[in-house]
Amino acid sequence: MNRTKDLLITSFALFSLFFGAGNLLLPPLLGYNAGENWFWVTLGFIITAVAIPIIGIYAHAKLQGTLYDFGKKVSPTFSFIYCILIYLIAVAIPSPRTAAATHEIAIHPNFGTSPLLTSSIYFILVLIFALNRSKILNIIGKYLTPFIVIILLLVIGIGLYSTQMITNPTTMDTPIVSGILEGYQTFDAIAAVVVGAVIIISINLKTEASFEAKKDLIKKSGLIAGFGLFIIYAGLIAVGASYGAEIDINSSLNSDMQRANLLTGISVKALGAFGYSVLSVLIALACFTTAVGIVTGTADYFKGLINNSQTVYAVTATIACVFGVVVGQLDFNTIIVYALPVLLFIYPITIVLILLNAIPNKYASKLVFRVVVLVTFVFSIPDVIGFLSPSEGLTTIVNLIPFAKHSLGWVLPAFVGFLVANLVSKKLDFLNFS
């Protein structure tokens, strides 16, 4: 019974730590724009927003270390720099983004408060949770997540039941690719490497179970959380597509306002006037749990760097929350715009690190890690430059790289690098054995 209880609490906590602002706001508009091709866009979205993150949790279960362990086969220096970048990105973008989304959709329309007041109160509460480190798994897994899931299923179920299910023509040339790239914006792959470490430390604080027992718990929790994410994402995309003929989105608005207006419209149509209140509570809770996970994970890492100092933990958590208040003054859409070039750079590297750590060790030698990460880094550069400063010369280069025009130019070279590095590794092992 205790094992079942622990499994459910850990699974719910994982789901909630993943499910934040982008996870709620992105899928409905994606489905709305995909229209009749909503199934294909869902398939793409699930790859980067569910499959890769859950493989990341599996990799954590296999390693049971910290984020540093994900990159140490490349080199200690690389892994240290990678960790610092990931935690800085997490604190600078997805964490403040949760406060911005909460303010714009849940707080300001109801109370008319300033972003400063909202984000200040929001991150004071986040800090209180983070400083009560040992209780996080239980509070989020036992109480907050079930409430979030029930509200989500209510909105999706009633929404699908009450709509005429008439979709618009698609506005996308390649729905699967659009879904894959939109999945980047959820930050779920980065969340996997950050909150996976939070889950491991939380489990270690609660139990002295064996390595294998904890591995089994983390793997099963990841699968259950992943299934939950799949159901919710697919449902939100389907609902967004189904209301295509019933809700008119003002295309002159920025993407952020389009997302918010669509989700509000769906909630009100599904649940009536009560729908807006439900949506406000849902967004506030979903965003809050994600922010807690990010701040806690960052504080855990820096605490581990400096002699497991509780003072370092508290100072890091406080700095992360202060930074969240400052950046949280920006609107949600501005944060997304700033995030995109960063994601085009760090997301591919994170994906290959997750995959390499998840596969059997015999296919993931140090040489393989180094080659694949280097190739991924090099072939991600055109995507970043193309976003920041497009040029004709760059277009010529992009046209020569398969999938590069879809910002996926790193995929095939990374796979080829993986195969070649494995062949070389096997050859070297054979020569050394001989």
Protein backbone atom coordinates (compact mmCIF):
# COMPACT_ATOMS: atom_id res chain seq x y z
CA MET A 1 0.00 0.00 0.00
CA ASN A 2 2.82 2.38 0.85
CA ARG A 3 4.50 1.59 -2.47
CA THR A 4 1.31 2.40 -4.37
CA LYS A 5 0.87 5.60 -2.37
CA ASP A 6 4.49 6.65 -2.98
CA LEU A 7 4.11 5.87 -6.69
CA LEU A 8 0.97 7.99 -7.03
CA ILE A 9 2.38 10.90 -5.02
CA THR A 10 5.63 10.90 -7.03
CA SER A 11 3.74 10.59 -10.35
CA PHE A 12 1.40 13.46 -9.48
CA ALA A 13 4.31 15.61 -8.30
CA LEU A 14 6.21 14.95 -11.54
CA PHE A 15 3.17 15.84 -13.64
CA SER A 16 2.64 19.06 -11.73
CA LEU A 17 6.29 20.11 -11.88
CA PHE A 18 6.15 19.67 -15.67
CA PHE A 19 2.78 21.33 -16.23
CA GLY A 20 3.19 25.09 -16.19
CA ALA A 21 2.22 28.20 -18.13
CA GLY A 22 3.28 27.14 -21.62
CA ASN A 23 1.87 23.65 -21.18
CA LEU A 24 -1.60 25.08 -20.64
CA LEU A 25 -1.57 28.00 -23.07
CA LEU A 26 0.29 26.53 -26.06
CA PRO A 27 -1.77 23.41 -27.04
CA PRO A 28 -5.23 25.00 -27.60
CA LEU A 29 -3.96 27.62 -30.08
CA LEU A 30 -1.80 24.96 -31.73
CA GLY A 31 -4.92 22.85 -32.29
CA TYR A 32 -6.94 25.89 -33.41
CA ASN A 33 -4.35 26.75 -36.09
CA ALA A 34 -3.87 23.11 -37.09
CA GLY A 35 -7.62 22.73 -37.66
CA GLU A 36 -8.36 19.55 -39.56
CA ASN A 37 -4.74 18.41 -39.14
CA TRP A 38 -4.88 18.57 -35.33
CA PHE A 39 -3.96 14.88 -35.02
CA TRP A 40 -0.66 15.37 -36.87
CA VAL A 41 0.27 18.46 -34.93
CA THR A 42 -0.48 16.53 -31.74
CA LEU A 43 1.91 13.81 -32.86
CA GLY A 44 4.72 16.34 -33.32
CA PHE A 45 3.96 18.12 -30.06
CA ILE A 46 4.00 14.84 -28.11
CA ILE A 47 7.52 14.04 -29.38
CA THR A 48 9.17 17.08 -27.78
CA ALA A 49 6.68 17.77 -24.98
CA VAL A 50 6.09 14.20 -23.71
CA ALA A 51 8.35 11.51 -25.21
CA ILE A 52 11.70 13.30 -24.80
CA PRO A 53 10.94 14.59 -21.27
CA ILE A 54 9.84 11.15 -20.02
CA ILE A 55 12.95 9.58 -21.54
CA GLY A 56 14.78 12.27 -19.54
CA ILE A 57 13.13 11.01 -16.34
CA TYR A 58 14.16 7.47 -17.30
CA ALA A 59 17.74 8.70 -17.73
CA HIS A 60 17.55 10.26 -14.24
CA ALA A 61 16.30 6.94 -12.86
CA LYS A 62 19.28 5.22 -14.46
CA LEU A 63 21.83 7.77 -13.19
CA GLN A 64 20.24 8.83 -9.86
CA GLY A 65 22.69 11.70 -9.62
CA THR A 66 22.40 15.36 -10.52
CA LEU A 67 22.14 17.32 -13.75
CA TYR A 68 25.96 17.33 -13.79
CA ASP A 69 25.92 13.58 -14.50
CA PHE A 70 24.08 14.16 -17.79
CA GLY A 71 27.07 15.85 -19.42
CA LYS A 72 30.11 14.55 -17.58
CA LYS A 73 30.94 12.00 -20.31
CA VAL A 74 31.56 14.91 -22.66
CA SER A 75 33.91 16.53 -20.13
CA PRO A 76 33.69 17.91 -16.57
CA THR A 77 34.13 21.47 -17.89
CA PHE A 78 31.37 21.06 -20.46
CA SER A 79 29.02 19.58 -17.87
CA PHE A 80 29.67 22.40 -15.41
CA ILE A 81 29.03 25.09 -18.05
CA TYR A 82 25.95 23.22 -19.30
CA CYS A 83 24.51 23.01 -15.77
CA ILE A 84 25.07 26.69 -15.11
CA LEU A 85 23.42 27.60 -18.45
CA ILE A 86 20.41 25.35 -17.84
CA TYR A 87 19.76 26.71 -14.36
CA LEU A 88 20.27 30.31 -15.48
CA ILE A 89 17.87 29.77 -18.38
CA ALA A 90 15.33 28.08 -16.11
CA VAL A 91 15.45 30.93 -13.59
CA ALA A 92 15.49 33.63 -16.28
CA ILE A 93 12.74 32.40 -18.63
CA PRO A 94 10.28 29.63 -17.65
CA SER A 95 10.11 30.58 -13.97
CA PRO A 96 9.24 34.29 -14.53
CA ARG A 97 7.00 33.21 -17.41
CA THR A 98 4.77 31.38 -14.95
CA ALA A 99 4.31 34.59 -12.97
CA ALA A 100 3.60 36.59 -16.14
CA ALA A 101 0.95 34.10 -17.26
CA THR A 102 -0.66 34.05 -13.81
CA HIS A 103 -0.80 37.85 -13.75
CA GLU A 104 -2.13 38.34 -17.28
CA ILE A 105 -4.84 35.68 -17.21
CA ALA A 106 -5.72 34.98 -13.58
CA ILE A 107 -4.94 38.10 -11.52
CA HIS A 108 -5.02 41.35 -13.51
CA PRO A 109 -8.43 40.80 -15.18
CA ASN A 110 -9.98 40.09 -11.76
CA PHE A 111 -8.15 42.53 -9.49
CA GLY A 112 -6.42 45.05 -11.78
CA THR A 113 -3.15 44.81 -9.84
CA SER A 114 0.28 45.68 -11.19
CA PRO A 115 2.73 43.00 -12.44
CA LEU A 116 5.11 43.99 -9.62
CA LEU A 117 2.58 43.24 -6.89
CA THR A 118 1.51 39.96 -8.50
CA SER A 119 5.02 38.65 -9.09
CA SER A 120 6.17 39.79 -5.62
CA ILE A 121 3.43 37.89 -3.78
CA TYR A 122 3.78 34.97 -6.20
CA PHE A 123 7.51 34.49 -5.62
CA ILE A 124 7.25 35.04 -1.86
CA LEU A 125 4.94 32.00 -1.83
CA VAL A 126 7.33 30.10 -4.13
CA LEU A 127 10.19 30.86 -1.73
CA ILE A 128 8.16 29.62 1.26
CA PHE A 129 7.57 26.31 -0.52
CA ALA A 130 11.20 26.03 -1.63
CA LEU A 131 12.51 26.64 1.89
CA ASN A 132 10.29 23.83 3.16
CA ARG A 133 12.24 21.43 0.94
CA SER A 134 11.40 18.14 2.63
CA LYS A 135 7.63 18.67 2.30
CA ILE A 136 7.49 19.62 -1.41
CA LEU A 137 6.82 16.15 -2.85
CA ASN A 138 3.94 15.47 -0.46
CA ILE A 139 2.28 18.88 -0.74
CA ILE A 140 2.40 19.01 -4.53
CA GLY A 141 1.75 15.31 -5.14
CA LYS A 142 -0.99 14.84 -2.53
CA TYR A 143 -2.95 18.07 -2.72
CA LEU A 144 -2.19 20.45 -5.57
CA THR A 145 -1.82 18.07 -8.53
CA PRO A 146 -5.08 16.08 -8.10
CA PHE A 147 -6.95 19.38 -8.02
CA ILE A 148 -5.18 20.59 -11.19
CA VAL A 149 -5.88 17.32 -13.03
CA ILE A 150 -9.58 17.30 -12.08
CA ILE A 151 -10.05 20.87 -13.35
CA LEU A 152 -8.17 20.11 -16.59
CA LEU A 153 -10.22 16.99 -17.30
CA LEU A 154 -13.39 18.93 -16.51
CA VAL A 155 -12.55 21.69 -19.03
CA ILE A 156 -11.49 19.17 -21.72
CA GLY A 157 -14.36 16.72 -21.19
CA ILE A 158 -17.16 19.29 -21.07
CA GLY A 159 -15.46 21.30 -23.83
CA LEU A 160 -15.42 18.36 -26.25
CA TYR A 161 -18.96 17.33 -25.29
CA SER A 162 -20.46 20.79 -25.79
CA THR A 163 -18.82 21.72 -29.11
CA GLN A 164 -20.03 21.00 -32.63
CA MET A 165 -16.55 19.60 -33.43
CA ILE A 166 -16.19 21.73 -36.58
CA THR A 167 -12.55 22.50 -37.40
CA ASN A 168 -11.05 25.25 -39.54
CA PRO A 169 -8.77 24.57 -42.53
CA THR A 170 -5.18 24.26 -41.35
CA THR A 171 -2.82 27.24 -41.50
CA MET A 172 0.28 25.01 -41.33
CA ASP A 173 2.41 23.64 -44.17
CA THR A 174 4.00 20.91 -42.03
CA PRO A 175 1.82 20.21 -38.98
CA ILE A 176 4.14 17.58 -37.45
CA VAL A 177 7.14 19.95 -37.59
CA SER A 178 5.02 22.81 -36.21
CA GLY A 179 4.05 20.56 -33.32
CA ILE A 180 7.67 19.56 -32.66
CA LEU A 181 8.88 23.17 -32.56
CA GLU A 182 5.95 24.32 -30.43
CA GLY A 183 6.88 21.53 -28.02
CA TYR A 184 10.20 23.36 -27.51
CA GLN A 185 8.25 26.24 -25.99
CA THR A 186 6.92 24.06 -23.17
CA PHE A 187 10.52 23.76 -21.87
CA ASP A 188 9.62 20.16 -20.94
CA ALA A 189 12.95 18.64 -22.00
CA ILE A 190 14.77 21.20 -19.87
CA ALA A 191 12.18 20.61 -17.15
CA ALA A 192 12.98 16.89 -17.28
CA VAL A 193 16.66 17.37 -16.45
CA VAL A 194 15.84 19.99 -13.77
CA VAL A 195 12.82 18.51 -11.98
CA GLY A 196 14.12 14.95 -12.37
CA ALA A 197 16.93 15.91 -10.02
CA VAL A 198 14.38 17.50 -7.66
CA ILE A 199 12.41 14.24 -7.57
CA ILE A 200 15.53 12.17 -6.85
CA ILE A 201 16.59 14.39 -3.95
CA SER A 202 13.02 14.41 -2.61
CA ILE A 203 12.89 10.61 -2.71
CA ASN A 204 16.28 10.37 -1.00
CA LEU A 205 15.01 12.64 1.77
CA LYS A 206 12.01 10.36 2.34
CA THR A 207 13.48 6.88 2.03
CA GLU A 208 16.62 4.80 2.24
CA ALA A 209 15.40 2.27 -0.32
CA SER A 210 17.86 0.48 -2.61
CA PHE A 211 19.11 1.92 -5.89
CA GLU A 212 16.97 -0.53 -7.88
CA ALA A 213 13.83 0.19 -5.84
CA LYS A 214 14.23 3.93 -6.40
CA LYS A 215 14.97 3.34 -10.08
CA ASP A 216 11.74 1.35 -10.41
CA LEU A 217 9.76 4.06 -8.59
CA ILE A 218 11.15 6.88 -10.77
CA LYS A 219 10.63 4.95 -14.04
CA LYS A 220 7.02 4.06 -13.24
CA SER A 221 6.30 7.59 -12.00
CA GLY A 222 7.72 8.98 -15.24
CA LEU A 223 5.48 6.73 -17.33
CA ILE A 224 2.36 7.64 -15.35
CA ALA A 225 3.19 11.37 -15.48
CA GLY A 226 3.92 11.06 -19.21
CA PHE A 227 0.59 9.35 -19.85
CA GLY A 228 -1.14 12.15 -17.95
CA LEU A 229 0.67 14.80 -19.99
CA PHE A 230 -0.26 12.98 -23.21
CA ILE A 231 -3.97 12.88 -22.31
CA ILE A 232 -4.04 16.54 -21.28
CA TYR A 233 -2.05 17.82 -24.28
CA ALA A 234 -4.05 15.79 -26.80
CA GLY A 235 -7.27 16.91 -25.13
CA LEU A 236 -6.32 20.61 -25.15
CA ILE A 237 -5.22 20.44 -28.80
CA ALA A 238 -8.43 18.63 -29.77
CA VAL A 239 -10.54 21.18 -27.89
CA GLY A 240 -8.68 24.05 -29.58
CA ALA A 241 -9.29 22.51 -33.01
CA SER A 242 -12.94 21.70 -32.26
CA TYR A 243 -13.83 25.29 -31.40
CA GLY A 244 -12.41 26.60 -34.69
CA ALA A 245 -15.85 27.49 -36.02
CA GLU A 246 -17.21 28.85 -32.72
CA ILE A 247 -14.50 31.18 -31.40
CA ASP A 248 -13.07 33.98 -33.51
CA ILE A 249 -9.47 34.84 -32.65
CA ASN A 250 -8.29 38.33 -33.52
CA SER A 251 -5.17 37.55 -35.61
CA SER A 252 -3.87 41.12 -35.11
CA LEU A 253 -3.22 40.33 -31.44
CA ASN A 254 0.12 38.90 -30.37
CA SER A 255 0.35 35.14 -29.92
CA ASP A 256 0.14 35.46 -26.15
CA MET A 257 -3.22 37.26 -26.24
CA GLN A 258 -4.52 34.86 -28.88
CA ARG A 259 -3.66 31.92 -26.61
CA ALA A 260 -5.23 33.56 -23.57
CA ASN A 261 -8.39 34.64 -25.43
CA LEU A 262 -8.88 31.20 -26.95
CA LEU A 263 -8.45 29.36 -23.65
CA THR A 264 -10.77 31.83 -21.92
CA GLY A 265 -13.36 31.43 -24.68
CA ILE A 266 -13.22 27.64 -24.44
CA SER A 267 -13.55 27.69 -20.64
CA VAL A 268 -16.52 30.07 -20.72
CA LYS A 269 -18.29 28.10 -23.48
CA ALA A 270 -17.70 24.83 -21.67
CA LEU A 271 -18.45 25.93 -18.09
CA GLY A 272 -20.40 29.16 -18.50
CA ALA A 273 -19.59 32.26 -16.44
CA PHE A 274 -18.00 29.97 -13.84
CA GLY A 275 -15.45 28.96 -16.49
CA TYR A 276 -13.34 32.08 -16.11
CA SER A 277 -12.94 31.56 -12.36
CA VAL A 278 -12.02 27.92 -12.96
CA LEU A 279 -9.44 28.94 -15.55
CA SER A 280 -7.92 31.54 -13.22
CA VAL A 281 -7.43 29.00 -10.43
CA LEU A 282 -6.09 26.40 -12.86
CA ILE A 283 -3.48 28.72 -14.35
CA ALA A 284 -2.35 30.01 -10.96
CA LEU A 285 -1.85 26.49 -9.56
CA ALA A 286 -0.26 24.99 -12.68
CA CYS A 287 2.20 27.85 -12.99
CA PHE A 288 2.99 27.91 -9.28
CA THR A 289 4.03 24.25 -9.00
CA THR A 290 6.37 24.60 -11.96
CA ALA A 291 8.03 27.68 -10.48
CA VAL A 292 8.53 25.81 -7.20
CA GLY A 293 10.23 22.97 -9.08
CA ILE A 294 12.57 25.30 -10.97
CA VAL A 295 13.61 27.33 -7.92
CA THR A 296 14.07 24.20 -5.81
CA GLY A 297 16.10 22.44 -8.50
CA THR A 298 18.39 25.44 -8.95
CA ALA A 299 18.92 25.80 -5.20
CA ASP A 300 19.58 22.05 -4.88
CA TYR A 301 22.31 22.23 -7.53
CA PHE A 302 24.21 25.15 -6.01
CA LYS A 303 23.83 23.66 -2.55
CA GLY A 304 25.51 20.49 -3.85
CA LEU A 305 28.33 22.53 -5.38
CA ILE A 306 29.26 24.14 -2.05
CA ASN A 307 29.50 21.47 0.66
CA ASN A 308 25.74 20.81 0.84
CA SER A 309 25.35 24.15 2.60
CA GLN A 310 21.79 24.93 3.66
CA THR A 311 22.74 28.61 3.66
CA VAL A 312 23.72 28.37 -0.01
CA TYR A 313 20.38 26.68 -0.71
CA ALA A 314 18.42 29.47 0.98
CA VAL A 315 20.45 32.27 -0.67
CA THR A 316 20.13 30.68 -4.15
CA ALA A 317 16.38 30.18 -3.76
CA THR A 318 16.01 33.81 -2.65
CA ILE A 319 18.07 35.15 -5.58
CA ALA A 320 16.07 33.00 -8.02
CA CYS A 321 12.82 34.39 -6.63
CA VAL A 322 14.06 37.99 -6.75
CA PHE A 323 15.10 37.45 -10.36
CA GLY A 324 11.65 36.02 -11.04
CA VAL A 325 10.03 39.18 -9.68
CA VAL A 326 12.20 41.39 -11.92
CA VAL A 327 11.74 39.42 -15.16
CA GLY A 328 8.10 38.75 -14.29
CA GLN A 329 7.38 42.42 -15.12
CA LEU A 330 7.62 41.51 -18.82
CA ASP A 331 4.54 40.19 -20.56
CA PHE A 332 4.25 36.49 -21.43
CA ASN A 333 4.73 37.00 -25.18
CA THR A 334 7.90 39.08 -24.74
CA ILE A 335 9.42 36.33 -22.61
CA ILE A 336 8.58 33.75 -25.31
CA VAL A 337 10.22 35.93 -28.01
CA TYR A 338 13.39 36.25 -25.95
CA ALA A 339 13.32 32.53 -25.20
CA LEU A 340 13.24 31.25 -28.78
CA PRO A 341 16.90 31.77 -29.83
CA VAL A 342 18.01 30.37 -26.46
CA LEU A 343 15.83 27.31 -27.01
CA LEU A 344 17.11 26.78 -30.55
CA PHE A 345 20.61 26.59 -29.04
CA ILE A 346 20.17 24.66 -25.79
CA TYR A 347 17.19 22.40 -26.59
CA PRO A 348 18.91 20.19 -29.22
CA ILE A 349 21.91 19.66 -26.90
CA THR A 350 19.55 18.78 -24.04
CA ILE A 351 17.65 16.32 -26.24
CA VAL A 352 20.79 14.45 -27.34
CA LEU A 353 22.11 14.34 -23.76
CA ILE A 354 18.80 12.84 -22.61
CA LEU A 355 18.82 10.21 -25.36
CA LEU A 356 22.48 9.29 -24.89
CA ASN A 357 22.03 8.85 -21.13
CA ALA A 358 18.91 6.72 -21.65
CA ILE A 359 20.35 4.19 -24.13
CA PRO A 360 22.55 1.23 -23.05
CA ASN A 361 26.06 2.30 -22.04
CA LYS A 362 27.70 0.15 -24.74
CA TYR A 363 26.29 2.54 -27.36
CA ALA A 364 27.15 5.71 -25.42
CA SER A 365 30.89 5.86 -24.86
CA LYS A 366 32.69 9.11 -24.08
CA LEU A 367 33.65 9.38 -27.75
CA VAL A 368 30.00 9.03 -28.81
CA PHE A 369 28.92 11.70 -26.31
CA ARG A 370 31.59 14.13 -27.49
CA VAL A 371 30.97 13.64 -31.21
CA VAL A 372 27.17 13.82 -31.01
CA VAL A 373 27.13 16.88 -28.74
CA LEU A 374 29.71 18.70 -30.88
CA VAL A 375 27.86 17.93 -34.12
CA THR A 376 24.54 18.98 -32.58
CA PHE A 377 26.04 22.25 -31.36
CA VAL A 378 27.60 23.07 -34.76
CA PHE A 379 24.44 22.32 -36.76
CA SER A 380 22.24 24.27 -34.35
CA ILE A 381 24.18 27.47 -35.03
CA PRO A 382 22.40 28.27 -38.35
CA ASP A 383 19.02 28.06 -36.56
CA VAL A 384 20.10 30.61 -33.96
CA ILE A 385 21.77 32.96 -36.44
CA GLY A 386 18.81 32.64 -38.81
CA PHE A 387 16.46 33.77 -36.06
CA LEU A 388 18.65 36.66 -34.87
CA SER A 389 19.99 37.89 -38.22
CA PRO A 390 18.64 36.19 -41.35
CA SER A 391 20.69 36.63 -44.55
CA GLU A 392 20.88 35.29 -48.10
CA GLY A 393 24.18 33.55 -47.44
CA LEU A 394 22.70 31.75 -44.47
CA THR A 395 19.68 30.71 -46.55
CA THR A 396 22.03 29.05 -49.04
CA ILE A 397 23.69 27.09 -46.22
CA VAL A 398 20.33 26.14 -44.71
CA ASN A 399 19.11 24.80 -48.06
CA LEU A 400 22.05 22.39 -48.11
CA ILE A 401 21.27 20.87 -44.69
CA PRO A 402 18.35 18.40 -44.49
CA PHE A 403 15.45 19.66 -42.32
CA ALA A 404 17.33 22.92 -41.59
CA LYS A 405 14.52 25.05 -43.00
CA HIS A 406 12.36 23.57 -40.24
CA SER A 407 14.97 24.45 -37.55
CA LEU A 408 15.84 20.76 -37.28
CA GLY A 409 19.11 20.80 -39.21
CA TRP A 410 20.93 19.17 -36.30
CA VAL A 411 18.89 15.94 -36.32
CA LEU A 412 20.40 14.02 -39.25
CA PRO A 413 24.04 15.10 -38.61
CA ALA A 414 23.67 14.10 -34.93
CA PHE A 415 22.34 10.68 -35.94
CA VAL A 416 25.16 10.18 -38.47
CA GLY A 417 27.67 11.31 -35.84
CA PHE A 418 26.18 8.77 -33.42
CA LEU A 419 26.59 5.92 -35.94
CA VAL A 420 30.13 6.90 -37.01
CA ALA A 421 31.32 7.42 -33.41
CA ASN A 422 29.95 4.01 -32.43
CA LEU A 423 31.72 2.34 -35.35
CA VAL A 424 34.99 4.05 -34.39
CA SER A 425 34.51 3.10 -30.72
CA LYS A 426 33.96 -0.55 -31.62
CA LYS A 427 37.01 -0.49 -33.90
CA LEU A 428 39.17 1.01 -31.14
CA ASP A 429 37.89 -1.53 -28.60
CA PHE A 430 38.69 -4.33 -31.04
CA LEU A 431 42.23 -3.04 -31.62
CA ASN A 432 42.83 -2.61 -27.89
CA PHE A 433 41.52 -6.13 -27.20
CA SER A 434 43.72 -7.55 -29.94
